[in-house]
Amino acid sequence: MHYTDNPNSPMTPAQRKSLMVLNQVKSKRIAFLCDVSETAVSLVVSGHARSRKVEEAIAMACGKYREDMFPPNSRKSQSSRNGAYRAAA
């Protein structure tokens, strides 16, 4: 099954960008509203960074819920990183 075949799965970065274009949501405006750089907004849209306030601002501007546009945080990956750090300490 492809990632986008599940209607309940969050959007891909390309889908998020397309929805922003469709709704005339500008990264510059989101950056201003959230007091972050345009680069930070771009990283969130592309999925390379996470920021709750940026994700919520984008979703609200597009008329969606944050959970519909962005995947939930993975607790497993966070605990793996913490475990690796503790083991090395």
C-alpha atoms as a PDB file:
ATOM      1  CA  MET A   1       0.000   0.000   0.000  1.00  0.00           C
ATOM      2  CA  HIS A   2       1.308   3.436  -0.912  1.00  0.00           C
ATOM      3  CA  TYR A   3       1.664   6.147   1.741  1.00  0.00           C
ATOM      4  CA  THR A   4      -1.083   8.269   0.175  1.00  0.00           C
ATOM      5  CA  ASP A   5      -3.558   5.370  -0.273  1.00  0.00           C
ATOM      6  CA  ASN A   6      -4.714   5.726   3.325  1.00  0.00           C
ATOM      7  CA  PRO A   7      -7.080   8.717   3.587  1.00  0.00           C
ATOM      8  CA  ASN A   8      -6.336   8.959   7.326  1.00  0.00           C
ATOM      9  CA  SER A   9      -2.577   9.341   6.870  1.00  0.00           C
ATOM     10  CA  PRO A  10      -1.005  12.807   7.134  1.00  0.00           C
ATOM     11  CA  MET A  11      -0.086  14.663   3.974  1.00  0.00           C
ATOM     12  CA  THR A  12       3.195  14.321   2.184  1.00  0.00           C
ATOM     13  CA  PRO A  13       5.420  17.412   1.962  1.00  0.00           C
ATOM     14  CA  ALA A  14       4.370  17.907  -1.679  1.00  0.00           C
ATOM     15  CA  GLN A  15       0.693  17.753  -0.694  1.00  0.00           C
ATOM     16  CA  ARG A  16       1.261  20.282   2.096  1.00  0.00           C
ATOM     17  CA  LYS A  17       2.997  22.685  -0.310  1.00  0.00           C
ATOM     18  CA  SER A  18       0.233  22.254  -2.906  1.00  0.00           C
ATOM     19  CA  LEU A  19      -2.437  23.006  -0.310  1.00  0.00           C
ATOM     20  CA  MET A  20      -0.526  26.106   0.771  1.00  0.00           C
ATOM     21  CA  VAL A  21      -0.371  27.323  -2.848  1.00  0.00           C
ATOM     22  CA  LEU A  22      -4.066  26.546  -3.377  1.00  0.00           C
ATOM     23  CA  ASN A  23      -4.993  28.544  -0.254  1.00  0.00           C
ATOM     24  CA  GLN A  24      -2.500  31.335  -1.033  1.00  0.00           C
ATOM     25  CA  VAL A  25      -0.608  30.680   2.200  1.00  0.00           C
ATOM     26  CA  LYS A  26       2.829  32.271   1.989  1.00  0.00           C
ATOM     27  CA  SER A  27       5.806  30.965   3.949  1.00  0.00           C
ATOM     28  CA  LYS A  28       6.856  34.555   4.591  1.00  0.00           C
ATOM     29  CA  ARG A  29       3.538  35.304   6.333  1.00  0.00           C
ATOM     30  CA  ILE A  30       3.708  32.133   8.452  1.00  0.00           C
ATOM     31  CA  ALA A  31       7.283  33.024   9.415  1.00  0.00           C
ATOM     32  CA  PHE A  32       6.191  36.509  10.458  1.00  0.00           C
ATOM     33  CA  LEU A  33       3.225  35.220  12.487  1.00  0.00           C
ATOM     34  CA  CYS A  34       5.344  32.607  14.266  1.00  0.00           C
ATOM     35  CA  ASP A  35       8.403  34.830  14.676  1.00  0.00           C
ATOM     36  CA  VAL A  36      10.669  32.344  12.896  1.00  0.00           C
ATOM     37  CA  SER A  37      12.683  32.412   9.680  1.00  0.00           C
ATOM     38  CA  GLU A  38      11.290  31.435   6.290  1.00  0.00           C
ATOM     39  CA  THR A  39      13.875  28.653   6.323  1.00  0.00           C
ATOM     40  CA  ALA A  40      12.309  27.258   9.503  1.00  0.00           C
ATOM     41  CA  VAL A  41       8.891  27.242   7.832  1.00  0.00           C
ATOM     42  CA  SER A  42      10.325  25.525   4.756  1.00  0.00           C
ATOM     43  CA  LEU A  43      11.952  22.847   6.921  1.00  0.00           C
ATOM     44  CA  VAL A  44       8.643  22.164   8.688  1.00  0.00           C
ATOM     45  CA  VAL A  45       6.707  21.950   5.404  1.00  0.00           C
ATOM     46  CA  SER A  46       9.287  19.560   3.947  1.00  0.00           C
ATOM     47  CA  GLY A  47       9.222  17.381   7.059  1.00  0.00           C
ATOM     48  CA  HIS A  48      12.873  17.972   7.992  1.00  0.00           C
ATOM     49  CA  ALA A  49      12.010  19.834  11.205  1.00  0.00           C
ATOM     50  CA  ARG A  50       9.128  19.983  13.686  1.00  0.00           C
ATOM     51  CA  SER A  51       7.554  23.050  15.297  1.00  0.00           C
ATOM     52  CA  ARG A  52       4.119  22.847  16.840  1.00  0.00           C
ATOM     53  CA  LYS A  53       3.419  26.569  16.422  1.00  0.00           C
ATOM     54  CA  VAL A  54       4.499  26.586  12.758  1.00  0.00           C
ATOM     55  CA  GLU A  55       2.519  23.412  12.003  1.00  0.00           C
ATOM     56  CA  GLU A  56      -0.578  24.868  13.683  1.00  0.00           C
ATOM     57  CA  ALA A  57      -0.245  28.189  11.843  1.00  0.00           C
ATOM     58  CA  ILE A  58       0.076  26.434   8.474  1.00  0.00           C
ATOM     59  CA  ALA A  59      -2.852  24.126   9.178  1.00  0.00           C
ATOM     60  CA  MET A  60      -5.071  26.977  10.386  1.00  0.00           C
ATOM     61  CA  ALA A  61      -4.235  29.095   7.335  1.00  0.00           C
ATOM     62  CA  CYS A  62      -5.123  26.132   5.092  1.00  0.00           C
ATOM     63  CA  GLY A  63      -8.355  25.377   6.967  1.00  0.00           C
ATOM     64  CA  LYS A  64      -7.168  21.995   8.238  1.00  0.00           C
ATOM     65  CA  TYR A  65      -6.307  20.363  11.548  1.00  0.00           C
ATOM     66  CA  ARG A  66      -2.597  20.007  12.317  1.00  0.00           C
ATOM     67  CA  GLU A  67      -3.026  16.239  12.726  1.00  0.00           C
ATOM     68  CA  ASP A  68      -4.398  16.003   9.164  1.00  0.00           C
ATOM     69  CA  MET A  69      -1.346  17.689   7.668  1.00  0.00           C
ATOM     70  CA  PHE A  70       1.575  16.548   9.807  1.00  0.00           C
ATOM     71  CA  PRO A  71       2.436  13.079  11.168  1.00  0.00           C
ATOM     72  CA  PRO A  72       2.359  12.592  14.935  1.00  0.00           C
ATOM     73  CA  ASN A  73       5.646  12.560  16.848  1.00  0.00           C
ATOM     74  CA  SER A  74       7.218   9.151  17.076  1.00  0.00           C
ATOM     75  CA  ARG A  75       7.808   8.299  20.734  1.00  0.00           C
ATOM     76  CA  LYS A  76       9.784   5.228  19.716  1.00  0.00           C
ATOM     77  CA  SER A  77      12.434   7.230  17.874  1.00  0.00           C
ATOM     78  CA  GLN A  78      12.725   9.700  20.755  1.00  0.00           C
ATOM     79  CA  SER A  79      13.186   6.957  23.341  1.00  0.00           C
ATOM     80  CA  SER A  80      15.729   5.223  21.092  1.00  0.00           C
ATOM     81  CA  ARG A  81      17.812   8.374  20.947  1.00  0.00           C
ATOM     82  CA  ASN A  82      17.567   8.871  24.702  1.00  0.00           C
ATOM     83  CA  GLY A  83      18.540   5.257  25.322  1.00  0.00           C
ATOM     84  CA  ALA A  84      21.562   5.536  23.059  1.00  0.00           C
ATOM     85  CA  TYR A  85      22.650   8.676  24.871  1.00  0.00           C
ATOM     86  CA  ARG A  86      22.281   7.069  28.283  1.00  0.00           C
ATOM     87  CA  ALA A  87      24.206   3.985  27.181  1.00  0.00           C
ATOM     88  CA  ALA A  88      27.097   6.126  26.016  1.00  0.00           C
ATOM     89  CA  ALA A  89      27.197   8.195  29.202  1.00  0.00           C
END
